[in-house]
């Protein structure tokens, strides 16, 4: 079953959005249990940077994993289409979610 670059990109954008939402909920939940101001600057900065790098790796895997496979299979144009559509879908999802948040407040 072959999917279009647009539909694959949509699923990737949904995956990144879901990951970011789950991460935000987890961070919010942890803040209720462990208060960052009680940890001190060094552990807080270390945790922040490790979370940032881990998140970047997970998002890169979601967004670039399949296009990298396409690229190395010689389907460079399709790989670029998937990345381009993923960026477009992420912007669209950002606009939708941002508008919904503003309207709901």
Protein backbone atom coordinates (compact mmCIF):
# COMPACT_ATOMS: atom_id res chain seq x y z
CA UNK A 1 0.00 0.00 0.00
CA UNK A 2 1.54 3.28 -1.14
CA UNK A 3 0.80 6.53 0.65
CA UNK A 4 1.35 9.99 -0.76
CA UNK A 5 4.10 12.21 0.66
CA UNK A 6 1.36 14.56 1.87
CA UNK A 7 -0.38 11.87 3.95
CA UNK A 8 2.89 10.52 5.36
CA UNK A 9 3.89 14.06 6.30
CA UNK A 10 0.52 14.60 7.98
CA UNK A 11 1.05 11.50 10.12
CA UNK A 12 4.56 12.65 11.01
CA UNK A 13 3.26 16.09 12.00
CA UNK A 14 0.54 14.47 14.12
CA UNK A 15 3.23 12.29 15.72
CA UNK A 16 5.39 15.28 16.60
CA UNK A 17 2.36 17.18 17.92
CA UNK A 18 1.31 14.22 20.05
CA UNK A 19 4.84 13.80 21.39
CA UNK A 20 5.07 17.49 22.31
CA UNK A 21 1.66 17.38 24.01
CA UNK A 22 2.53 14.27 26.02
CA UNK A 23 5.90 15.77 26.98
CA UNK A 24 4.20 19.00 28.12
CA UNK A 25 1.73 17.05 30.25
CA UNK A 26 4.53 15.01 31.81
CA UNK A 27 6.60 18.10 32.60
CA UNK A 28 3.57 19.80 34.12
CA UNK A 29 2.86 16.70 36.23
CA UNK A 30 6.44 16.47 37.43
CA UNK A 31 6.38 20.13 38.46
CA UNK A 32 3.57 19.34 40.89
CA UNK A 33 5.67 16.59 42.49
CA UNK A 34 9.17 18.10 42.36
CA UNK A 35 9.42 21.86 42.60
CA UNK A 36 12.28 23.02 40.33
CA UNK A 37 13.16 25.94 42.60
CA UNK A 38 14.06 23.40 45.33
CA UNK A 39 16.59 21.59 43.12
CA UNK A 40 19.13 24.34 42.58
CA UNK A 41 20.49 25.71 39.32
CA UNK A 42 22.90 22.94 38.26
CA UNK A 43 20.47 19.98 38.44
CA UNK A 44 17.68 22.11 36.92
CA UNK A 45 19.83 23.19 33.96
CA UNK A 46 21.13 19.65 33.48
CA UNK A 47 17.62 18.19 33.45
CA UNK A 48 16.43 20.91 31.07
CA UNK A 49 19.28 20.38 28.61
CA UNK A 50 18.95 16.59 28.68
CA UNK A 51 15.21 16.88 28.10
CA UNK A 52 15.84 19.32 25.24
CA UNK A 53 18.40 17.09 23.53
CA UNK A 54 16.25 13.98 24.01
CA UNK A 55 13.23 15.79 22.58
CA UNK A 56 15.24 17.00 19.60
CA UNK A 57 16.39 13.44 18.90
CA UNK A 58 12.87 12.02 19.17
CA UNK A 59 11.39 14.73 16.92
CA UNK A 60 14.22 14.30 14.41
CA UNK A 61 13.59 10.56 14.32
CA UNK A 62 9.87 11.13 13.72
CA UNK A 63 10.38 13.77 11.03
CA UNK A 64 13.52 12.56 9.27
CA UNK A 65 13.51 8.77 9.74
CA UNK A 66 11.33 7.87 6.78
CA UNK A 67 12.68 10.62 4.47
CA UNK A 68 16.24 9.42 5.20
CA UNK A 69 15.20 5.92 4.11
CA UNK A 70 13.72 7.35 0.92
CA UNK A 71 16.81 9.48 0.31
CA UNK A 72 19.20 6.56 0.61
CA UNK A 73 16.94 4.47 -1.64
CA UNK A 74 17.51 7.08 -4.33
CA UNK A 75 14.06 8.68 -4.01
CA UNK A 76 15.46 12.11 -3.17
CA UNK A 77 12.59 14.16 -4.56
CA UNK A 78 10.03 12.18 -2.58
CA UNK A 79 12.15 12.53 0.57
CA UNK A 80 12.24 16.31 0.16
CA UNK A 81 8.49 16.37 -0.49
CA UNK A 82 7.81 14.51 2.74
CA UNK A 83 10.02 16.91 4.74
CA UNK A 84 8.43 19.93 3.07
CA UNK A 85 4.91 18.68 3.68
CA UNK A 86 5.79 17.82 7.28
CA UNK A 87 6.91 21.40 7.84
CA UNK A 88 3.73 22.68 6.22
CA UNK A 89 1.50 20.42 8.34
CA UNK A 90 3.35 21.44 11.50
CA UNK A 91 2.73 25.11 10.69
CA UNK A 92 -0.95 24.36 10.00
CA UNK A 93 -1.30 22.42 13.26
CA UNK A 94 0.46 25.23 15.13
CA UNK A 95 -1.98 27.76 13.68
CA UNK A 96 -5.00 25.59 14.53
CA UNK A 97 -3.86 24.83 18.09
CA UNK A 98 -2.69 28.40 18.68
CA UNK A 99 -6.01 29.80 17.46
CA UNK A 100 -7.95 27.32 19.59
CA UNK A 101 -5.95 28.24 22.70
CA UNK A 102 -6.46 31.96 22.12
CA UNK A 103 -10.18 31.56 21.48
CA UNK A 104 -10.70 29.33 24.53
CA UNK A 105 -9.15 31.80 26.94
